[in-house]
Amino acid sequence: MDCEKAIYRVYHYLDGELTVWRRWSIKRHLHHCPPCAQGFDFEVELRQVVSQKCREEAPAELRERIAEAIRRYEQSRAEGLY
């Protein structure tokens, strides 16, 4: 596997969307390619920071508006309007 393919597939790897063979192939490439391994480590760290820092809750008013919009949509589907 070359660097371009590894970088492209790293996101799928992190999302758990690859076959066992492709996961093995990327692990092998990362083990032998320090620049790609650095990029991979950066992506892992970035995802961790985002998941820790982006925990704000939407305002109650926004959640209520979204819930109401979903209810109206589901009701209109049930009535055959969509």
PDB file of N, CA and C in Angstrom:
ATOM      1  N   MET A   1       0.850  -1.168   0.000  1.00  0.00           N
ATOM      2  CA  MET A   1       0.000   0.000   0.000  1.00  0.00           C
ATOM      3  C   MET A   1       0.897   1.233   0.000  1.00  0.00           C
ATOM      4  N   ASP A   2       0.547   2.206  -0.842  1.00  0.00           N
ATOM      5  CA  ASP A   2       1.326   3.443  -0.866  1.00  0.00           C
ATOM      6  C   ASP A   2       0.721   4.477   0.089  1.00  0.00           C
ATOM      7  N   CYS A   3       1.444   5.565   0.275  1.00  0.00           N
ATOM      8  CA  CYS A   3       1.032   6.590   1.238  1.00  0.00           C
ATOM      9  C   CYS A   3      -0.316   7.210   0.886  1.00  0.00           C
ATOM     10  N   GLU A   4      -0.537   7.474  -0.381  1.00  0.00           N
ATOM     11  CA  GLU A   4      -1.791   8.111  -0.799  1.00  0.00           C
ATOM     12  C   GLU A   4      -2.998   7.237  -0.432  1.00  0.00           C
ATOM     13  N   LYS A   5      -2.917   5.949  -0.709  1.00  0.00           N
ATOM     14  CA  LYS A   5      -4.019   5.041  -0.358  1.00  0.00           C
ATOM     15  C   LYS A   5      -4.174   4.927   1.152  1.00  0.00           C
ATOM     16  N   ALA A   6      -3.059   4.876   1.853  1.00  0.00           N
ATOM     17  CA  ALA A   6      -3.114   4.754   3.315  1.00  0.00           C
ATOM     18  C   ALA A   6      -3.785   5.970   3.932  1.00  0.00           C
ATOM     19  N   ILE A   7      -3.411   7.148   3.479  1.00  0.00           N
ATOM     20  CA  ILE A   7      -3.995   8.373   4.024  1.00  0.00           C
ATOM     21  C   ILE A   7      -5.487   8.422   3.712  1.00  0.00           C
ATOM     22  N   TYR A   8      -5.858   8.053   2.501  1.00  0.00           N
ATOM     23  CA  TYR A   8      -7.269   8.051   2.117  1.00  0.00           C
ATOM     24  C   TYR A   8      -8.075   7.093   2.996  1.00  0.00           C
ATOM     25  N   ARG A   9      -7.499   5.936   3.277  1.00  0.00           N
ATOM     26  CA  ARG A   9      -8.231   4.905   4.021  1.00  0.00           C
ATOM     27  C   ARG A   9      -8.136   5.049   5.536  1.00  0.00           C
ATOM     28  N   VAL A  10      -7.257   5.898   6.019  1.00  0.00           N
ATOM     29  CA  VAL A  10      -7.098   6.070   7.465  1.00  0.00           C
ATOM     30  C   VAL A  10      -8.415   6.494   8.112  1.00  0.00           C
ATOM     31  N   TYR A  11      -9.167   7.350   7.448  1.00  0.00           N
ATOM     32  CA  TYR A  11     -10.436   7.801   8.018  1.00  0.00           C
ATOM     33  C   TYR A  11     -11.429   6.653   8.118  1.00  0.00           C
ATOM     34  N   HIS A  12     -11.445   5.797   7.107  1.00  0.00           N
ATOM     35  CA  HIS A  12     -12.307   4.612   7.152  1.00  0.00           C
ATOM     36  C   HIS A  12     -11.825   3.657   8.238  1.00  0.00           C
ATOM     37  N   TYR A  13     -10.515   3.591   8.388  1.00  0.00           N
ATOM     38  CA  TYR A  13      -9.921   2.743   9.428  1.00  0.00           C
ATOM     39  C   TYR A  13     -10.378   3.223  10.811  1.00  0.00           C
ATOM     40  N   LEU A  14     -10.267   4.526  11.043  1.00  0.00           N
ATOM     41  CA  LEU A  14     -10.643   5.081  12.343  1.00  0.00           C
ATOM     42  C   LEU A  14     -12.139   4.918  12.621  1.00  0.00           C
ATOM     43  N   ASP A  15     -12.938   4.907  11.567  1.00  0.00           N
ATOM     44  CA  ASP A  15     -14.381   4.743  11.725  1.00  0.00           C
ATOM     45  C   ASP A  15     -14.802   3.274  11.796  1.00  0.00           C
ATOM     46  N   GLY A  16     -13.838   2.358  11.677  1.00  0.00           N
ATOM     47  CA  GLY A  16     -14.140   0.930  11.755  1.00  0.00           C
ATOM     48  C   GLY A  16     -14.898   0.413  10.542  1.00  0.00           C
ATOM     49  N   GLU A  17     -14.653   1.004   9.385  1.00  0.00           N
ATOM     50  CA  GLU A  17     -15.398   0.667   8.181  1.00  0.00           C
ATOM     51  C   GLU A  17     -14.626  -0.207   7.194  1.00  0.00           C
ATOM     52  N   LEU A  18     -13.536  -0.803   7.623  1.00  0.00           N
ATOM     53  CA  LEU A  18     -12.718  -1.592   6.700  1.00  0.00           C
ATOM     54  C   LEU A  18     -12.748  -3.074   7.043  1.00  0.00           C
ATOM     55  N   THR A  19     -12.436  -3.861   6.046  1.00  0.00           N
ATOM     56  CA  THR A  19     -12.308  -5.300   6.262  1.00  0.00           C
ATOM     57  C   THR A  19     -11.066  -5.570   7.098  1.00  0.00           C
ATOM     58  N   VAL A  20     -10.983  -6.753   7.631  1.00  0.00           N
ATOM     59  CA  VAL A  20      -9.812  -7.143   8.429  1.00  0.00           C
ATOM     60  C   VAL A  20      -8.545  -7.023   7.587  1.00  0.00           C
ATOM     61  N   TRP A  21      -8.606  -7.440   6.342  1.00  0.00           N
ATOM     62  CA  TRP A  21      -7.439  -7.391   5.463  1.00  0.00           C
ATOM     63  C   TRP A  21      -6.964  -5.950   5.263  1.00  0.00           C
ATOM     64  N   ARG A  22      -7.889  -5.039   4.982  1.00  0.00           N
ATOM     65  CA  ARG A  22      -7.488  -3.638   4.772  1.00  0.00           C
ATOM     66  C   ARG A  22      -6.963  -3.020   6.051  1.00  0.00           C
ATOM     67  N   ARG A  23      -7.555  -3.362   7.187  1.00  0.00           N
ATOM     68  CA  ARG A  23      -7.052  -2.847   8.473  1.00  0.00           C
ATOM     69  C   ARG A  23      -5.609  -3.321   8.684  1.00  0.00           C
ATOM     70  N   TRP A  24      -5.362  -4.591   8.404  1.00  0.00           N
ATOM     71  CA  TRP A  24      -4.018  -5.147   8.542  1.00  0.00           C
ATOM     72  C   TRP A  24      -3.053  -4.435   7.605  1.00  0.00           C
ATOM     73  N   SER A  25      -3.495  -4.194   6.374  1.00  0.00           N
ATOM     74  CA  SER A  25      -2.652  -3.542   5.380  1.00  0.00           C
ATOM     75  C   SER A  25      -2.276  -2.121   5.830  1.00  0.00           C
ATOM     76  N   ILE A  26      -3.224  -1.392   6.380  1.00  0.00           N
ATOM     77  CA  ILE A  26      -2.929  -0.036   6.867  1.00  0.00           C
ATOM     78  C   ILE A  26      -2.014  -0.092   8.076  1.00  0.00           C
ATOM     79  N   LYS A  27      -2.277  -0.998   9.014  1.00  0.00           N
ATOM     80  CA  LYS A  27      -1.389  -1.131  10.184  1.00  0.00           C
ATOM     81  C   LYS A  27       0.034  -1.400   9.734  1.00  0.00           C
ATOM     82  N   ARG A  28       0.178  -2.280   8.772  1.00  0.00           N
ATOM     83  CA  ARG A  28       1.503  -2.630   8.265  1.00  0.00           C
ATOM     84  C   ARG A  28       2.181  -1.399   7.650  1.00  0.00           C
ATOM     85  N   HIS A  29       1.418  -0.652   6.847  1.00  0.00           N
ATOM     86  CA  HIS A  29       1.983   0.544   6.225  1.00  0.00           C
ATOM     87  C   HIS A  29       2.394   1.551   7.301  1.00  0.00           C
ATOM     88  N   LEU A  30       1.526   1.784   8.279  1.00  0.00           N
ATOM     89  CA  LEU A  30       1.838   2.749   9.332  1.00  0.00           C
ATOM     90  C   LEU A  30       3.067   2.332  10.126  1.00  0.00           C
ATOM     91  N   HIS A  31       3.242   1.033  10.313  1.00  0.00           N
ATOM     92  CA  HIS A  31       4.405   0.526  11.042  1.00  0.00           C
ATOM     93  C   HIS A  31       5.706   0.823  10.294  1.00  0.00           C
ATOM     94  N   HIS A  32       5.630   0.835   8.954  1.00  0.00           N
ATOM     95  CA  HIS A  32       6.841   1.017   8.143  1.00  0.00           C
ATOM     96  C   HIS A  32       7.002   2.434   7.587  1.00  0.00           C
ATOM     97  N   CYS A  33       6.036   3.325   7.853  1.00  0.00           N
ATOM     98  CA  CYS A  33       6.086   4.670   7.269  1.00  0.00           C
ATOM     99  C   CYS A  33       5.868   5.717   8.366  1.00  0.00           C
ATOM    100  N   PRO A  34       6.952   6.211   8.955  1.00  0.00           N
ATOM    101  CA  PRO A  34       6.822   7.190  10.040  1.00  0.00           C
ATOM    102  C   PRO A  34       6.001   8.438   9.689  1.00  0.00           C
ATOM    103  N   PRO A  35       6.124   9.021   8.489  1.00  0.00           N
ATOM    104  CA  PRO A  35       5.297  10.195   8.199  1.00  0.00           C
ATOM    105  C   PRO A  35       3.790   9.886   8.241  1.00  0.00           C
ATOM    106  N   CYS A  36       3.391   8.753   7.685  1.00  0.00           N
ATOM    107  CA  CYS A  36       1.976   8.376   7.720  1.00  0.00           C
ATOM    108  C   CYS A  36       1.549   8.047   9.152  1.00  0.00           C
ATOM    109  N   ALA A  37       2.435   7.414   9.896  1.00  0.00           N
ATOM    110  CA  ALA A  37       2.123   7.084  11.293  1.00  0.00           C
ATOM    111  C   ALA A  37       1.917   8.355  12.099  1.00  0.00           C
ATOM    112  N   GLN A  38       2.715   9.387  11.820  1.00  0.00           N
ATOM    113  CA  GLN A  38       2.546  10.681  12.494  1.00  0.00           C
ATOM    114  C   GLN A  38       1.196  11.289  12.155  1.00  0.00           C
ATOM    115  N   GLY A  39       0.822  11.223  10.893  1.00  0.00           N
ATOM    116  CA  GLY A  39      -0.476  11.742  10.473  1.00  0.00           C
ATOM    117  C   GLY A  39      -1.615  10.985  11.134  1.00  0.00           C
ATOM    118  N   PHE A  40      -1.459   9.675  11.243  1.00  0.00           N
ATOM    119  CA  PHE A  40      -2.466   8.842  11.894  1.00  0.00           C
ATOM    120  C   PHE A  40      -2.595   9.226  13.363  1.00  0.00           C
ATOM    121  N   ASP A  41      -1.467   9.360  14.041  1.00  0.00           N
ATOM    122  CA  ASP A  41      -1.480   9.742  15.455  1.00  0.00           C
ATOM    123  C   ASP A  41      -2.150  11.098  15.653  1.00  0.00           C
ATOM    124  N   PHE A  42      -1.891  12.021  14.723  1.00  0.00           N
ATOM    125  CA  PHE A  42      -2.524  13.336  14.797  1.00  0.00           C
ATOM    126  C   PHE A  42      -4.045  13.210  14.683  1.00  0.00           C
ATOM    127  N   GLU A  43      -4.514  12.408  13.743  1.00  0.00           N
ATOM    128  CA  GLU A  43      -5.961  12.234  13.542  1.00  0.00           C
ATOM    129  C   GLU A  43      -6.612  11.603  14.772  1.00  0.00           C
ATOM    130  N   VAL A  44      -5.938  10.632  15.373  1.00  0.00           N
ATOM    131  CA  VAL A  44      -6.466   9.997  16.581  1.00  0.00           C
ATOM    132  C   VAL A  44      -6.581  11.037  17.696  1.00  0.00           C
ATOM    133  N   GLU A  45      -5.525  11.816  17.872  1.00  0.00           N
ATOM    134  CA  GLU A  45      -5.525  12.842  18.921  1.00  0.00           C
ATOM    135  C   GLU A  45      -6.573  13.918  18.648  1.00  0.00           C
ATOM    136  N   LEU A  46      -6.701  14.328  17.398  1.00  0.00           N
ATOM    137  CA  LEU A  46      -7.696  15.330  17.028  1.00  0.00           C
ATOM    138  C   LEU A  46      -9.110  14.833  17.346  1.00  0.00           C
ATOM    139  N   ARG A  47      -9.401  13.593  17.012  1.00  0.00           N
ATOM    140  CA  ARG A  47     -10.721  13.031  17.317  1.00  0.00           C
ATOM    141  C   ARG A  47     -10.977  12.991  18.816  1.00  0.00           C
ATOM    142  N   GLN A  48      -9.958  12.688  19.583  1.00  0.00           N
ATOM    143  CA  GLN A  48     -10.124  12.652  21.036  1.00  0.00           C
ATOM    144  C   GLN A  48     -10.423  14.049  21.584  1.00  0.00           C
ATOM    145  N   VAL A  49      -9.703  15.049  21.110  1.00  0.00           N
ATOM    146  CA  VAL A  49      -9.917  16.423  21.572  1.00  0.00           C
ATOM    147  C   VAL A  49     -11.315  16.893  21.194  1.00  0.00           C
ATOM    148  N   VAL A  50     -11.710  16.640  19.956  1.00  0.00           N
ATOM    149  CA  VAL A  50     -13.036  17.064  19.509  1.00  0.00           C
ATOM    150  C   VAL A  50     -14.115  16.393  20.332  1.00  0.00           C
ATOM    151  N   SER A  51     -13.971  15.109  20.590  1.00  0.00           N
ATOM    152  CA  SER A  51     -15.015  14.406  21.347  1.00  0.00           C
ATOM    153  C   SER A  51     -15.072  14.887  22.802  1.00  0.00           C
ATOM    154  N   GLN A  52     -13.959  15.308  23.346  1.00  0.00           N
ATOM    155  CA  GLN A  52     -13.944  15.794  24.725  1.00  0.00           C
ATOM    156  C   GLN A  52     -14.442  17.226  24.835  1.00  0.00           C
ATOM    157  N   LYS A  53     -14.098  18.045  23.865  1.00  0.00           N
ATOM    158  CA  LYS A  53     -14.408  19.477  23.942  1.00  0.00           C
ATOM    159  C   LYS A  53     -15.776  19.838  23.369  1.00  0.00           C
ATOM    160  N   CYS A  54     -16.299  19.015  22.508  1.00  0.00           N
ATOM    161  CA  CYS A  54     -17.565  19.350  21.834  1.00  0.00           C
ATOM    162  C   CYS A  54     -18.729  18.635  22.505  1.00  0.00           C
ATOM    163  N   ARG A  55     -18.951  18.956  23.734  1.00  0.00           N
ATOM    164  CA  ARG A  55     -20.015  18.321  24.492  1.00  0.00           C
ATOM    165  C   ARG A  55     -21.091  19.308  24.910  1.00  0.00           C
ATOM    166  N   GLU A  56     -21.138  20.436  24.240  1.00  0.00           N
ATOM    167  CA  GLU A  56     -22.164  21.405  24.575  1.00  0.00           C
ATOM    168  C   GLU A  56     -23.533  20.851  24.222  1.00  0.00           C
ATOM    169  N   GLU A  57     -24.494  21.169  25.053  1.00  0.00           N
ATOM    170  CA  GLU A  57     -25.850  20.716  24.811  1.00  0.00           C
ATOM    171  C   GLU A  57     -26.602  21.825  24.082  1.00  0.00           C
ATOM    172  N   ALA A  58     -27.433  21.425  23.139  1.00  0.00           N
ATOM    173  CA  ALA A  58     -28.237  22.404  22.412  1.00  0.00           C
ATOM    174  C   ALA A  58     -29.233  23.046  23.371  1.00  0.00           C
ATOM    175  N   PRO A  59     -29.547  24.317  23.163  1.00  0.00           N
ATOM    176  CA  PRO A  59     -30.526  24.996  24.026  1.00  0.00           C
ATOM    177  C   PRO A  59     -31.878  24.269  23.980  1.00  0.00           C
ATOM    178  N   ALA A  60     -32.605  24.323  25.092  1.00  0.00           N
ATOM    179  CA  ALA A  60     -33.894  23.629  25.203  1.00  0.00           C
ATOM    180  C   ALA A  60     -34.846  24.061  24.094  1.00  0.00           C
ATOM    181  N   GLU A  61     -34.873  25.351  23.783  1.00  0.00           N
ATOM    182  CA  GLU A  61     -35.772  25.855  22.742  1.00  0.00           C
ATOM    183  C   GLU A  61     -35.476  25.212  21.388  1.00  0.00           C
ATOM    184  N   LEU A  62     -34.200  25.072  21.061  1.00  0.00           N
ATOM    185  CA  LEU A  62     -33.816  24.444  19.796  1.00  0.00           C
ATOM    186  C   LEU A  62     -34.233  22.975  19.783  1.00  0.00           C
ATOM    187  N   ARG A  63     -33.990  22.273  20.874  1.00  0.00           N
ATOM    188  CA  ARG A  63     -34.381  20.853  20.943  1.00  0.00           C
ATOM    189  C   ARG A  63     -35.891  20.707  20.771  1.00  0.00           C
ATOM    190  N   GLU A  64     -36.657  21.601  21.383  1.00  0.00           N
ATOM    191  CA  GLU A  64     -38.117  21.549  21.265  1.00  0.00           C
ATOM    192  C   GLU A  64     -38.563  21.812  19.827  1.00  0.00           C
ATOM    193  N   ARG A  65     -37.929  22.789  19.162  1.00  0.00           N
ATOM    194  CA  ARG A  65     -38.286  23.088  17.771  1.00  0.00           C
ATOM    195  C   ARG A  65     -37.974  21.906  16.862  1.00  0.00           C
ATOM    196  N   ILE A  66     -36.857  21.265  17.087  1.00  0.00           N
ATOM    197  CA  ILE A  66     -36.489  20.097  16.281  1.00  0.00           C
ATOM    198  C   ILE A  66     -37.475  18.962  16.525  1.00  0.00           C
ATOM    199  N   ALA A  67     -37.804  18.704  17.787  1.00  0.00           N
ATOM    200  CA  ALA A  67     -38.756  17.637  18.120  1.00  0.00           C
ATOM    201  C   ALA A  67     -40.108  17.913  17.475  1.00  0.00           C
ATOM    202  N   GLU A  68     -40.546  19.164  17.503  1.00  0.00           N
ATOM    203  CA  GLU A  68     -41.831  19.531  16.886  1.00  0.00           C
ATOM    204  C   GLU A  68     -41.784  19.338  15.378  1.00  0.00           C
ATOM    205  N   ALA A  69     -40.700  19.708  14.762  1.00  0.00           N
ATOM    206  CA  ALA A  69     -40.561  19.527  13.312  1.00  0.00           C
ATOM    207  C   ALA A  69     -40.590  18.049  12.954  1.00  0.00           C
ATOM    208  N   ILE A  70     -39.976  17.222  13.757  1.00  0.00           N
ATOM    209  CA  ILE A  70     -39.991  15.773  13.512  1.00  0.00           C
ATOM    210  C   ILE A  70     -41.404  15.236  13.674  1.00  0.00           C
ATOM    211  N   ARG A  71     -42.103  15.673  14.716  1.00  0.00           N
ATOM    212  CA  ARG A  71     -43.486  15.224  14.919  1.00  0.00           C
ATOM    213  C   ARG A  71     -44.368  15.607  13.732  1.00  0.00           C
ATOM    214  N   ARG A  72     -44.239  16.863  13.258  1.00  0.00           N
ATOM    215  CA  ARG A  72     -45.040  17.298  12.111  1.00  0.00           C
ATOM    216  C   ARG A  72     -44.718  16.482  10.871  1.00  0.00           C
ATOM    217  N   TYR A  73     -43.438  16.218  10.654  1.00  0.00           N
ATOM    218  CA  TYR A  73     -43.018  15.427   9.496  1.00  0.00           C
ATOM    219  C   TYR A  73     -43.595  14.021   9.582  1.00  0.00           C
ATOM    220  N   GLU A  74     -43.465  13.385  10.742  1.00  0.00           N
ATOM    221  CA  GLU A  74     -43.981  12.026  10.905  1.00  0.00           C
ATOM    222  C   GLU A  74     -45.498  11.997  10.748  1.00  0.00           C
ATOM    223  N   GLN A  75     -46.185  13.006  11.258  1.00  0.00           N
ATOM    224  CA  GLN A  75     -47.636  13.067  11.127  1.00  0.00           C
ATOM    225  C   GLN A  75     -48.027  13.223   9.654  1.00  0.00           C
ATOM    226  N   SER A  76     -47.321  14.078   8.936  1.00  0.00           N
ATOM    227  CA  SER A  76     -47.654  14.276   7.522  1.00  0.00           C
ATOM    228  C   SER A  76     -47.357  13.027   6.708  1.00  0.00           C
ATOM    229  N   ARG A  77     -46.329  12.283   7.081  1.00  0.00           N
ATOM    230  CA  ARG A  77     -46.038  11.008   6.396  1.00  0.00           C
ATOM    231  C   ARG A  77     -47.156  10.022   6.652  1.00  0.00           C
ATOM    232  N   ALA A  78     -47.619   9.982   7.892  1.00  0.00           N
ATOM    233  CA  ALA A  78     -48.703   9.052   8.258  1.00  0.00           C
ATOM    234  C   ALA A  78     -49.985   9.408   7.499  1.00  0.00           C
ATOM    235  N   GLU A  79     -50.167  10.683   7.224  1.00  0.00           N
ATOM    236  CA  GLU A  79     -51.364  11.133   6.514  1.00  0.00           C
ATOM    237  C   GLU A  79     -51.189  11.065   5.002  1.00  0.00           C
ATOM    238  N   GLY A  80     -50.000  10.617   4.567  1.00  0.00           N
ATOM    239  CA  GLY A  80     -49.757  10.461   3.140  1.00  0.00           C
ATOM    240  C   GLY A  80     -49.420  11.744   2.410  1.00  0.00           C
ATOM    241  N   LEU A  81     -49.005  12.767   3.117  1.00  0.00           N
ATOM    242  CA  LEU A  81     -48.671  14.032   2.486  1.00  0.00           C
ATOM    243  C   LEU A  81     -47.247  14.046   1.919  1.00  0.00           C
ATOM    244  N   TYR A  82     -46.375  13.148   2.396  1.00  0.00           N
ATOM    245  CA  TYR A  82     -45.004  13.069   1.892  1.00  0.00           C
ATOM    246  C   TYR A  82     -44.839  11.846   1.067  1.00  0.00           C
TER     247      TYR A  82
END
